Amino acid sequence: MFFVEARYHRNPDKVPQQIRYVSHREERLQGGERRELFGIGDRYTAFRGDEKAIERAFAEDTRGLRRPAYFRFILTVDNRAAERFARLDGTATERAIRDAVQKTFRGSARDVQGVFAIHQHGGHDRPSHPHVHALLSPRLQNGAPIHFSPRAIERVKQRWEMEVLRSLERQERRVPRRQPQRELIPLTPLRLRGFKARQAVLRFEQHPVRPRRLGPLTLAFLRSRPSRRAGKLAGRRVDAGLGLLDRAMEITRDPERVARRLSLRLLSKALPGPMRNALWLTRNVASFGLRQRW
């Protein structure tokens, strides 16, 4: 089960000794290192890690009090929570405990102020587990003397257990899931390109003129009657060229009709004059009344 111990004394001379004790006391810190002191309340949070400033702040809060009370809390966790904390790294454990301490005093003992340090050493027949040493100022943040009743201490204990479990769950959700290690595949060797000397390239190069092909729209325009009229006005050569283009298009489009007309023309030239005239007259009469193409 979670354990919360609350003690107090009224000797101002013991405060600096207690501050050094909670900051330096650690089985694994034997080379002069110290634990960082975190603040409870805005005023002591600004003195984070500064022992001398914290001692002066406690001395200032003591002035004017006839019998100041200096409360010291020891907040621990049970073995099950300690095993869960052991799966986290030191940074995540410290963050979870720090948030739990600040939310515990903020929710169950509002306006208290002081400092605390996080220890992670074990004990007799007990694995290493995180616990907290908290020293509270004899004055509240509003300047009133501090007072803790047994009921208030019980509220701190209940709130401490709840906040630790919440912070622990948040940190466990942040731990990334371990993925199986993948075999590393060698990279494809870099292909080195041969060195080529730079060649001078003119910005404006003269390319040979390519003949342009006539598109279907251009051919349709040239075969139209307005283009034929323009050809007659331009000259005999232009008119003959447009007529030749017209015949070439007809051969491509309807070769049977062109062959029939050509054979009829050759046959008419072989006939005598009267018969040729009669043939052309009959052809014109047969086409009378039909819409002519202009």
C-alpha atoms as a PDB file:
ATOM      1  CA  MET A   1       0.000   0.000   0.000  1.00  0.00           C
ATOM      2  CA  PHE A   2       1.024   3.636  -0.423  1.00  0.00           C
ATOM      3  CA  PHE A   3       2.590   5.176   2.658  1.00  0.00           C
ATOM      4  CA  VAL A   4       2.514   8.842   3.719  1.00  0.00           C
ATOM      5  CA  GLU A   5       4.391   9.994   6.816  1.00  0.00           C
ATOM      6  CA  ALA A   6       3.929  13.523   8.170  1.00  0.00           C
ATOM      7  CA  ARG A   7       6.093  14.987  10.934  1.00  0.00           C
ATOM      8  CA  TYR A   8       6.752  18.498  12.142  1.00  0.00           C
ATOM      9  CA  HIS A   9       9.065  20.435  14.454  1.00  0.00           C
ATOM     10  CA  ARG A  10       9.359  24.035  15.633  1.00  0.00           C
ATOM     11  CA  ASN A  11      13.128  24.594  15.533  1.00  0.00           C
ATOM     12  CA  PRO A  12      14.187  27.049  12.764  1.00  0.00           C
ATOM     13  CA  ASP A  13      17.827  25.986  13.092  1.00  0.00           C
ATOM     14  CA  LYS A  14      17.031  22.487  11.802  1.00  0.00           C
ATOM     15  CA  VAL A  15      15.624  23.743   8.468  1.00  0.00           C
ATOM     16  CA  PRO A  16      18.977  24.177   6.623  1.00  0.00           C
ATOM     17  CA  GLN A  17      20.056  20.738   7.815  1.00  0.00           C
ATOM     18  CA  GLN A  18      16.836  19.159   6.547  1.00  0.00           C
ATOM     19  CA  ILE A  19      17.178  20.887   3.163  1.00  0.00           C
ATOM     20  CA  ARG A  20      20.695  19.524   2.740  1.00  0.00           C
ATOM     21  CA  TYR A  21      19.552  16.105   3.922  1.00  0.00           C
ATOM     22  CA  VAL A  22      16.777  15.700   1.347  1.00  0.00           C
ATOM     23  CA  SER A  23      19.012  17.077  -1.393  1.00  0.00           C
ATOM     24  CA  HIS A  24      22.190  15.054  -0.712  1.00  0.00           C
ATOM     25  CA  ARG A  25      20.971  11.914   1.044  1.00  0.00           C
ATOM     26  CA  GLU A  26      21.176   9.107  -1.514  1.00  0.00           C
ATOM     27  CA  GLU A  27      23.018   5.808  -1.416  1.00  0.00           C
ATOM     28  CA  ARG A  28      24.021   6.160  -5.054  1.00  0.00           C
ATOM     29  CA  LEU A  29      25.245   9.749  -4.663  1.00  0.00           C
ATOM     30  CA  GLN A  30      28.502   9.335  -2.779  1.00  0.00           C
ATOM     31  CA  GLY A  31      30.687  11.673  -4.820  1.00  0.00           C
ATOM     32  CA  GLY A  32      29.234  14.967  -3.647  1.00  0.00           C
ATOM     33  CA  GLU A  33      26.299  14.997  -6.082  1.00  0.00           C
ATOM     34  CA  ARG A  34      22.889  16.156  -4.988  1.00  0.00           C
ATOM     35  CA  ARG A  35      19.273  15.742  -5.921  1.00  0.00           C
ATOM     36  CA  GLU A  36      17.477  18.640  -7.512  1.00  0.00           C
ATOM     37  CA  LEU A  37      15.034  20.494  -5.307  1.00  0.00           C
ATOM     38  CA  PHE A  38      11.649  21.187  -6.896  1.00  0.00           C
ATOM     39  CA  GLY A  39       9.244  23.824  -5.675  1.00  0.00           C
ATOM     40  CA  ILE A  40       5.671  23.686  -4.409  1.00  0.00           C
ATOM     41  CA  GLY A  41       3.938  26.969  -5.179  1.00  0.00           C
ATOM     42  CA  ASP A  42       5.035  29.736  -7.515  1.00  0.00           C
ATOM     43  CA  ARG A  43       7.458  31.365  -5.100  1.00  0.00           C
ATOM     44  CA  TYR A  44       9.509  28.264  -4.314  1.00  0.00           C
ATOM     45  CA  THR A  45       9.287  27.003  -7.883  1.00  0.00           C
ATOM     46  CA  ALA A  46      11.356  30.032  -8.895  1.00  0.00           C
ATOM     47  CA  PHE A  47      14.125  28.860  -6.475  1.00  0.00           C
ATOM     48  CA  ARG A  48      14.436  25.452  -8.147  1.00  0.00           C
ATOM     49  CA  GLY A  49      17.813  23.893  -7.320  1.00  0.00           C
ATOM     50  CA  ASP A  50      19.127  26.936  -5.370  1.00  0.00           C
ATOM     51  CA  GLU A  51      19.629  25.744  -1.771  1.00  0.00           C
ATOM     52  CA  LYS A  52      20.787  29.104  -0.416  1.00  0.00           C
ATOM     53  CA  ALA A  53      17.776  30.927  -1.849  1.00  0.00           C
ATOM     54  CA  ILE A  54      15.471  28.264  -0.420  1.00  0.00           C
ATOM     55  CA  GLU A  55      17.041  28.610   3.040  1.00  0.00           C
ATOM     56  CA  ARG A  56      16.577  32.388   2.918  1.00  0.00           C
ATOM     57  CA  ALA A  57      12.938  31.951   1.870  1.00  0.00           C
ATOM     58  CA  PHE A  58      12.282  29.648   4.841  1.00  0.00           C
ATOM     59  CA  ALA A  59      13.947  32.173   7.142  1.00  0.00           C
ATOM     60  CA  GLU A  60      11.779  34.993   5.788  1.00  0.00           C
ATOM     61  CA  ASP A  61       8.617  32.953   6.304  1.00  0.00           C
ATOM     62  CA  THR A  62       9.660  32.249   9.904  1.00  0.00           C
ATOM     63  CA  ARG A  63       9.815  35.929  10.865  1.00  0.00           C
ATOM     64  CA  GLY A  64       6.857  37.103  12.923  1.00  0.00           C
ATOM     65  CA  LEU A  65       5.793  33.606  14.017  1.00  0.00           C
ATOM     66  CA  ARG A  66       6.099  32.746  17.691  1.00  0.00           C
ATOM     67  CA  ARG A  67       5.880  28.986  17.215  1.00  0.00           C
ATOM     68  CA  PRO A  68       6.438  28.149  13.520  1.00  0.00           C
ATOM     69  CA  ALA A  69       5.593  24.624  12.390  1.00  0.00           C
ATOM     70  CA  TYR A  70       7.847  22.964   9.807  1.00  0.00           C
ATOM     71  CA  PHE A  71       6.096  19.957   8.273  1.00  0.00           C
ATOM     72  CA  ARG A  72       8.017  17.215   6.543  1.00  0.00           C
ATOM     73  CA  PHE A  73       6.217  14.640   4.367  1.00  0.00           C
ATOM     74  CA  ILE A  74       7.594  11.324   3.138  1.00  0.00           C
ATOM     75  CA  LEU A  75       5.527   9.988   0.233  1.00  0.00           C
ATOM     76  CA  THR A  76       6.172   6.428  -0.967  1.00  0.00           C
ATOM     77  CA  VAL A  77       4.606   3.935  -3.381  1.00  0.00           C
ATOM     78  CA  ASP A  78       3.824   0.240  -3.023  1.00  0.00           C
ATOM     79  CA  ASN A  79       5.808  -2.611  -4.588  1.00  0.00           C
ATOM     80  CA  ARG A  80       3.422  -3.021  -7.524  1.00  0.00           C
ATOM     81  CA  ALA A  81       3.795   0.631  -8.509  1.00  0.00           C
ATOM     82  CA  ALA A  82       7.566   0.367  -7.987  1.00  0.00           C
ATOM     83  CA  GLU A  83       7.716  -2.514 -10.465  1.00  0.00           C
ATOM     84  CA  ARG A  84       5.827  -0.433 -13.013  1.00  0.00           C
ATOM     85  CA  PHE A  85       8.166   2.511 -12.444  1.00  0.00           C
ATOM     86  CA  ALA A  86      11.135   0.193 -12.996  1.00  0.00           C
ATOM     87  CA  ARG A  87      10.014  -0.301 -16.613  1.00  0.00           C
ATOM     88  CA  LEU A  88      10.379   3.438 -17.260  1.00  0.00           C
ATOM     89  CA  ASP A  89      13.576   5.377 -17.632  1.00  0.00           C
ATOM     90  CA  GLY A  90      14.799   7.853 -15.032  1.00  0.00           C
ATOM     91  CA  THR A  91      13.464  10.922 -16.833  1.00  0.00           C
ATOM     92  CA  ALA A  92       9.941   9.529 -17.205  1.00  0.00           C
ATOM     93  CA  THR A  93       9.888   8.375 -13.574  1.00  0.00           C
ATOM     94  CA  GLU A  94      10.991  11.762 -12.295  1.00  0.00           C
ATOM     95  CA  ARG A  95       8.423  13.575 -14.443  1.00  0.00           C
ATOM     96  CA  ALA A  96       5.594  11.340 -13.224  1.00  0.00           C
ATOM     97  CA  ILE A  97       6.522  11.713  -9.545  1.00  0.00           C
ATOM     98  CA  ARG A  98       7.006  15.469  -9.846  1.00  0.00           C
ATOM     99  CA  ASP A  99       3.599  15.985 -11.430  1.00  0.00           C
ATOM    100  CA  ALA A 100       1.974  13.739  -8.826  1.00  0.00           C
ATOM    101  CA  VAL A 101       3.493  15.684  -5.902  1.00  0.00           C
ATOM    102  CA  GLN A 102       2.472  19.088  -7.225  1.00  0.00           C
ATOM    103  CA  LYS A 103      -1.089  17.960  -8.019  1.00  0.00           C
ATOM    104  CA  THR A 104      -1.399  16.220  -4.644  1.00  0.00           C
ATOM    105  CA  PHE A 105      -0.679  19.327  -2.577  1.00  0.00           C
ATOM    106  CA  ARG A 106      -2.588  21.566  -4.982  1.00  0.00           C
ATOM    107  CA  GLY A 107      -5.716  19.407  -4.676  1.00  0.00           C
ATOM    108  CA  SER A 108      -5.662  18.378  -1.005  1.00  0.00           C
ATOM    109  CA  ALA A 109      -3.721  21.167   0.752  1.00  0.00           C
ATOM    110  CA  ARG A 110      -4.218  24.334  -1.264  1.00  0.00           C
ATOM    111  CA  ASP A 111      -1.907  27.342  -0.717  1.00  0.00           C
ATOM    112  CA  VAL A 112       0.888  25.307   0.890  1.00  0.00           C
ATOM    113  CA  GLN A 113       4.403  26.028  -0.360  1.00  0.00           C
ATOM    114  CA  GLY A 114       7.813  24.452   0.036  1.00  0.00           C
ATOM    115  CA  VAL A 115      10.301  22.170  -1.695  1.00  0.00           C
ATOM    116  CA  PHE A 116      10.678  18.456  -2.355  1.00  0.00           C
ATOM    117  CA  ALA A 117      13.278  16.034  -3.690  1.00  0.00           C
ATOM    118  CA  ILE A 118      12.790  12.685  -5.409  1.00  0.00           C
ATOM    119  CA  HIS A 119      14.785   9.691  -4.145  1.00  0.00           C
ATOM    120  CA  GLN A 120      14.971   6.328  -5.864  1.00  0.00           C
ATOM    121  CA  HIS A 121      17.009   4.154  -3.504  1.00  0.00           C
ATOM    122  CA  GLY A 122      15.639   1.003  -1.872  1.00  0.00           C
ATOM    123  CA  GLY A 123      15.640  -0.367   1.634  1.00  0.00           C
ATOM    124  CA  HIS A 124      16.011  -3.587   3.586  1.00  0.00           C
ATOM    125  CA  ASP A 125      14.543  -6.487   1.545  1.00  0.00           C
ATOM    126  CA  ARG A 126      12.890  -3.943  -0.744  1.00  0.00           C
ATOM    127  CA  PRO A 127      13.718  -3.119  -4.354  1.00  0.00           C
ATOM    128  CA  SER A 128      14.609   0.352  -5.481  1.00  0.00           C
ATOM    129  CA  HIS A 129      11.499   2.500  -5.679  1.00  0.00           C
ATOM    130  CA  PRO A 130      10.800   6.218  -6.017  1.00  0.00           C
ATOM    131  CA  HIS A 131       9.746   8.210  -2.984  1.00  0.00           C
ATOM    132  CA  VAL A 132       9.560  11.884  -2.081  1.00  0.00           C
ATOM    133  CA  HIS A 133      10.837  14.034   0.788  1.00  0.00           C
ATOM    134  CA  ALA A 134       8.831  17.271   0.999  1.00  0.00           C
ATOM    135  CA  LEU A 135       9.554  20.226   3.317  1.00  0.00           C
ATOM    136  CA  LEU A 136       6.736  22.734   3.721  1.00  0.00           C
ATOM    137  CA  SER A 137       7.073  26.384   4.656  1.00  0.00           C
ATOM    138  CA  PRO A 138       5.610  27.540   8.008  1.00  0.00           C
ATOM    139  CA  ARG A 139       3.432  30.013   6.073  1.00  0.00           C
ATOM    140  CA  LEU A 140       0.861  29.492   3.355  1.00  0.00           C
ATOM    141  CA  GLN A 141       0.969  31.434   0.119  1.00  0.00           C
ATOM    142  CA  ASN A 142      -1.509  33.949   1.534  1.00  0.00           C
ATOM    143  CA  GLY A 143       0.753  34.552   4.576  1.00  0.00           C
ATOM    144  CA  ALA A 144      -1.295  32.610   7.133  1.00  0.00           C
ATOM    145  CA  PRO A 145       0.476  30.093   9.418  1.00  0.00           C
ATOM    146  CA  ILE A 146       0.364  26.505   8.232  1.00  0.00           C
ATOM    147  CA  HIS A 147      -1.732  23.897  10.010  1.00  0.00           C
ATOM    148  CA  PHE A 148      -2.371  20.236   9.219  1.00  0.00           C
ATOM    149  CA  SER A 149      -5.057  18.220  10.977  1.00  0.00           C
ATOM    150  CA  PRO A 150      -5.144  14.379  10.887  1.00  0.00           C
ATOM    151  CA  ARG A 151      -8.041  14.601   8.446  1.00  0.00           C
ATOM    152  CA  ALA A 152      -5.997  16.854   6.137  1.00  0.00           C
ATOM    153  CA  ILE A 153      -3.089  14.397   6.258  1.00  0.00           C
ATOM    154  CA  GLU A 154      -5.478  11.593   5.303  1.00  0.00           C
ATOM    155  CA  ARG A 155      -6.654  13.648   2.315  1.00  0.00           C
ATOM    156  CA  VAL A 156      -3.037  14.076   1.220  1.00  0.00           C
ATOM    157  CA  LYS A 157      -2.512  10.311   1.406  1.00  0.00           C
ATOM    158  CA  GLN A 158      -5.595   9.530  -0.691  1.00  0.00           C
ATOM    159  CA  ARG A 159      -4.786  12.200  -3.248  1.00  0.00           C
ATOM    160  CA  TRP A 160      -1.167  11.028  -3.458  1.00  0.00           C
ATOM    161  CA  GLU A 161      -2.140   7.479  -4.380  1.00  0.00           C
ATOM    162  CA  MET A 162      -4.617   8.672  -7.007  1.00  0.00           C
ATOM    163  CA  GLU A 163      -2.216  11.149  -8.649  1.00  0.00           C
ATOM    164  CA  VAL A 164       0.665   8.647  -8.754  1.00  0.00           C
ATOM    165  CA  LEU A 165      -1.418   6.059 -10.564  1.00  0.00           C
ATOM    166  CA  ARG A 166      -2.665   8.662 -13.040  1.00  0.00           C
ATOM    167  CA  SER A 167       0.814   9.974 -13.800  1.00  0.00           C
ATOM    168  CA  LEU A 168       2.138   6.441 -14.100  1.00  0.00           C
ATOM    169  CA  GLU A 169      -0.538   5.529 -16.651  1.00  0.00           C
ATOM    170  CA  ARG A 170       0.216   8.640 -18.704  1.00  0.00           C
ATOM    171  CA  GLN A 171       3.920   7.847 -18.841  1.00  0.00           C
ATOM    172  CA  GLU A 172       3.266   4.209 -19.736  1.00  0.00           C
ATOM    173  CA  ARG A 173       1.122   5.287 -22.691  1.00  0.00           C
ATOM    174  CA  ARG A 174       3.951   7.463 -23.940  1.00  0.00           C
ATOM    175  CA  VAL A 175       6.440   4.611 -24.005  1.00  0.00           C
ATOM    176  CA  PRO A 176       6.783   3.574 -27.688  1.00  0.00           C
ATOM    177  CA  ARG A 177       6.055  -0.033 -28.448  1.00  0.00           C
ATOM    178  CA  ARG A 178       9.124  -2.016 -29.274  1.00  0.00           C
ATOM    179  CA  GLN A 179       9.214  -3.212 -32.845  1.00  0.00           C
ATOM    180  CA  PRO A 180      11.147  -6.276 -34.014  1.00  0.00           C
ATOM    181  CA  GLN A 181      14.546  -5.440 -35.350  1.00  0.00           C
ATOM    182  CA  ARG A 182      14.789  -5.563 -39.089  1.00  0.00           C
ATOM    183  CA  GLU A 183      17.754  -6.896 -40.952  1.00  0.00           C
ATOM    184  CA  LEU A 184      19.791  -4.172 -42.524  1.00  0.00           C
ATOM    185  CA  ILE A 185      20.040  -4.428 -46.297  1.00  0.00           C
ATOM    186  CA  PRO A 186      23.262  -3.170 -47.872  1.00  0.00           C
ATOM    187  CA  LEU A 187      22.811  -0.086 -49.938  1.00  0.00           C
ATOM    188  CA  THR A 188      23.354  -0.114 -53.685  1.00  0.00           C
ATOM    189  CA  PRO A 189      26.873   1.131 -54.416  1.00  0.00           C
ATOM    190  CA  LEU A 190      27.023   4.593 -55.827  1.00  0.00           C
ATOM    191  CA  ARG A 191      27.601   4.670 -59.558  1.00  0.00           C
ATOM    192  CA  LEU A 192      30.397   7.031 -60.437  1.00  0.00           C
ATOM    193  CA  ARG A 193      29.961   8.775 -63.728  1.00  0.00           C
ATOM    194  CA  GLY A 194      32.928   9.371 -65.966  1.00  0.00           C
ATOM    195  CA  PHE A 195      34.282  12.864 -66.152  1.00  0.00           C
ATOM    196  CA  LYS A 196      33.308  14.726 -69.306  1.00  0.00           C
ATOM    197  CA  ALA A 197      34.785  17.985 -70.356  1.00  0.00           C
ATOM    198  CA  ARG A 198      32.344  20.805 -70.636  1.00  0.00           C
ATOM    199  CA  GLN A 199      31.442  21.743 -74.176  1.00  0.00           C
ATOM    200  CA  ALA A 200      30.627  25.247 -75.176  1.00  0.00           C
ATOM    201  CA  VAL A 201      27.008  25.446 -76.270  1.00  0.00           C
ATOM    202  CA  LEU A 202      25.683  28.490 -78.006  1.00  0.00           C
ATOM    203  CA  ARG A 203      22.611  29.934 -76.439  1.00  0.00           C
ATOM    204  CA  PHE A 204      20.943  30.615 -79.787  1.00  0.00           C
ATOM    205  CA  GLU A 205      21.547  27.839 -82.316  1.00  0.00           C
ATOM    206  CA  GLN A 206      20.333  27.848 -85.898  1.00  0.00           C
ATOM    207  CA  HIS A 207      18.384  24.692 -86.617  1.00  0.00           C
ATOM    208  CA  PRO A 208      17.536  23.633 -90.182  1.00  0.00           C
ATOM    209  CA  VAL A 209      14.076  24.654 -91.267  1.00  0.00           C
ATOM    210  CA  ARG A 210      11.768  21.656 -91.296  1.00  0.00           C
ATOM    211  CA  PRO A 211       9.026  21.474 -93.936  1.00  0.00           C
ATOM    212  CA  ARG A 212       5.621  21.888 -92.411  1.00  0.00           C
ATOM    213  CA  ARG A 213       2.831  19.525 -93.307  1.00  0.00           C
ATOM    214  CA  LEU A 214      -0.568  20.757 -94.375  1.00  0.00           C
ATOM    215  CA  GLY A 215      -3.220  19.880 -91.875  1.00  0.00           C
ATOM    216  CA  PRO A 216      -6.825  18.896 -92.631  1.00  0.00           C
ATOM    217  CA  LEU A 217      -8.135  22.373 -91.810  1.00  0.00           C
ATOM    218  CA  THR A 218      -5.686  24.006 -94.213  1.00  0.00           C
ATOM    219  CA  LEU A 219      -6.607  21.572 -96.997  1.00  0.00           C
ATOM    220  CA  ALA A 220     -10.318  22.152 -96.438  1.00  0.00           C
ATOM    221  CA  PHE A 221      -9.786  25.896 -96.694  1.00  0.00           C
ATOM    222  CA  LEU A 222      -7.793  25.582 -99.897  1.00  0.00           C
ATOM    223  CA  ARG A 223     -10.476  23.376-101.464  1.00  0.00           C
ATOM    224  CA  SER A 224     -13.292  25.760-100.590  1.00  0.00           C
ATOM    225  CA  ARG A 225     -14.828  28.027-103.199  1.00  0.00           C
ATOM    226  CA  PRO A 226     -13.583  31.295-101.651  1.00  0.00           C
ATOM    227  CA  SER A 227     -10.019  29.994-101.937  1.00  0.00           C
ATOM    228  CA  ARG A 228     -10.630  29.066-105.604  1.00  0.00           C
ATOM    229  CA  ARG A 229     -11.916  32.533-106.291  1.00  0.00           C
ATOM    230  CA  ALA A 230      -8.893  34.018-104.567  1.00  0.00           C
ATOM    231  CA  GLY A 231      -6.716  31.726-106.714  1.00  0.00           C
ATOM    232  CA  LYS A 232      -8.274  33.085-109.904  1.00  0.00           C
ATOM    233  CA  LEU A 233      -7.596  36.601-108.736  1.00  0.00           C
ATOM    234  CA  ALA A 234      -4.018  35.728-107.777  1.00  0.00           C
ATOM    235  CA  GLY A 235      -3.149  34.287-111.171  1.00  0.00           C
ATOM    236  CA  ARG A 236      -3.289  31.299-113.459  1.00  0.00           C
ATOM    237  CA  ARG A 237      -0.533  29.395-111.660  1.00  0.00           C
ATOM    238  CA  VAL A 238      -2.170  29.680-108.290  1.00  0.00           C
ATOM    239  CA  ASP A 239      -5.525  28.636-109.777  1.00  0.00           C
ATOM    240  CA  ALA A 240      -3.956  25.620-111.479  1.00  0.00           C
ATOM    241  CA  GLY A 241      -2.227  24.613-108.243  1.00  0.00           C
ATOM    242  CA  LEU A 242      -5.471  24.777-106.292  1.00  0.00           C
ATOM    243  CA  GLY A 243      -7.235  22.752-108.980  1.00  0.00           C
ATOM    244  CA  LEU A 244      -4.528  20.108-108.860  1.00  0.00           C
ATOM    245  CA  LEU A 245      -4.830  20.005-105.078  1.00  0.00           C
ATOM    246  CA  ASP A 246      -8.588  19.588-105.419  1.00  0.00           C
ATOM    247  CA  ARG A 247      -8.191  16.623-107.769  1.00  0.00           C
ATOM    248  CA  ALA A 248      -5.626  15.009-105.469  1.00  0.00           C
ATOM    249  CA  MET A 249      -8.021  15.295-102.552  1.00  0.00           C
ATOM    250  CA  GLU A 250     -10.839  13.778-104.597  1.00  0.00           C
ATOM    251  CA  ILE A 251      -8.648  10.830-105.619  1.00  0.00           C
ATOM    252  CA  THR A 252      -7.858  10.193-101.956  1.00  0.00           C
ATOM    253  CA  ARG A 253     -11.451  10.557-100.833  1.00  0.00           C
ATOM    254  CA  ASP A 254     -13.385   8.780-103.685  1.00  0.00           C
ATOM    255  CA  PRO A 255     -11.085   7.015-106.158  1.00  0.00           C
ATOM    256  CA  GLU A 256     -13.966   5.218-107.963  1.00  0.00           C
ATOM    257  CA  ARG A 257     -15.692   8.457-108.866  1.00  0.00           C
ATOM    258  CA  VAL A 258     -12.482   9.984-110.153  1.00  0.00           C
ATOM    259  CA  ALA A 259     -11.771   6.904-112.279  1.00  0.00           C
ATOM    260  CA  ARG A 260     -15.315   6.961-113.669  1.00  0.00           C
ATOM    261  CA  ARG A 261     -15.090  10.611-114.613  1.00  0.00           C
ATOM    262  CA  LEU A 262     -11.651  10.160-116.158  1.00  0.00           C
ATOM    263  CA  SER A 263     -12.801   7.209-118.286  1.00  0.00           C
ATOM    264  CA  LEU A 264     -15.865   9.167-119.413  1.00  0.00           C
ATOM    265  CA  ARG A 265     -13.688  12.100-120.385  1.00  0.00           C
ATOM    266  CA  LEU A 266     -11.321   9.891-122.423  1.00  0.00           C
ATOM    267  CA  LEU A 267     -14.279   8.132-124.110  1.00  0.00           C
ATOM    268  CA  SER A 268     -15.849  11.441-125.071  1.00  0.00           C
ATOM    269  CA  LYS A 269     -12.635  12.576-126.697  1.00  0.00           C
ATOM    270  CA  ALA A 270     -12.549   9.397-128.839  1.00  0.00           C
ATOM    271  CA  LEU A 271     -16.136   9.921-130.093  1.00  0.00           C
ATOM    272  CA  PRO A 272     -16.993  12.123-133.077  1.00  0.00           C
ATOM    273  CA  GLY A 273     -18.019  15.694-132.418  1.00  0.00           C
ATOM    274  CA  PRO A 274     -21.845  15.313-132.756  1.00  0.00           C
ATOM    275  CA  MET A 275     -21.924  12.267-130.520  1.00  0.00           C
ATOM    276  CA  ARG A 276     -19.670  13.959-127.974  1.00  0.00           C
ATOM    277  CA  ASN A 277     -21.959  16.982-127.832  1.00  0.00           C
ATOM    278  CA  ALA A 278     -25.021  14.760-127.456  1.00  0.00           C
ATOM    279  CA  LEU A 279     -23.321  12.874-124.598  1.00  0.00           C
ATOM    280  CA  TRP A 280     -22.483  16.033-122.704  1.00  0.00           C
ATOM    281  CA  LEU A 281     -25.980  17.411-123.348  1.00  0.00           C
ATOM    282  CA  THR A 282     -27.556  14.262-121.934  1.00  0.00           C
ATOM    283  CA  ARG A 283     -25.291  14.492-118.853  1.00  0.00           C
ATOM    284  CA  ASN A 284     -26.255  18.095-118.252  1.00  0.00           C
ATOM    285  CA  VAL A 285     -30.001  17.342-118.650  1.00  0.00           C
ATOM    286  CA  ALA A 286     -29.716  14.452-116.153  1.00  0.00           C
ATOM    287  CA  SER A 287     -28.179  16.769-113.578  1.00  0.00           C
ATOM    288  CA  PHE A 288     -30.754  19.510-114.138  1.00  0.00           C
ATOM    289  CA  GLY A 289     -32.745  20.382-111.034  1.00  0.00           C
ATOM    290  CA  LEU A 290     -30.072  19.092-108.652  1.00  0.00           C
ATOM    291  CA  ARG A 291     -28.235  21.426-106.280  1.00  0.00           C
ATOM    292  CA  GLN A 292     -24.981  22.434-107.808  1.00  0.00           C
ATOM    293  CA  ARG A 293     -21.806  22.911-105.772  1.00  0.00           C
ATOM    294  CA  TRP A 294     -20.472  26.372-106.076  1.00  0.00           C
END
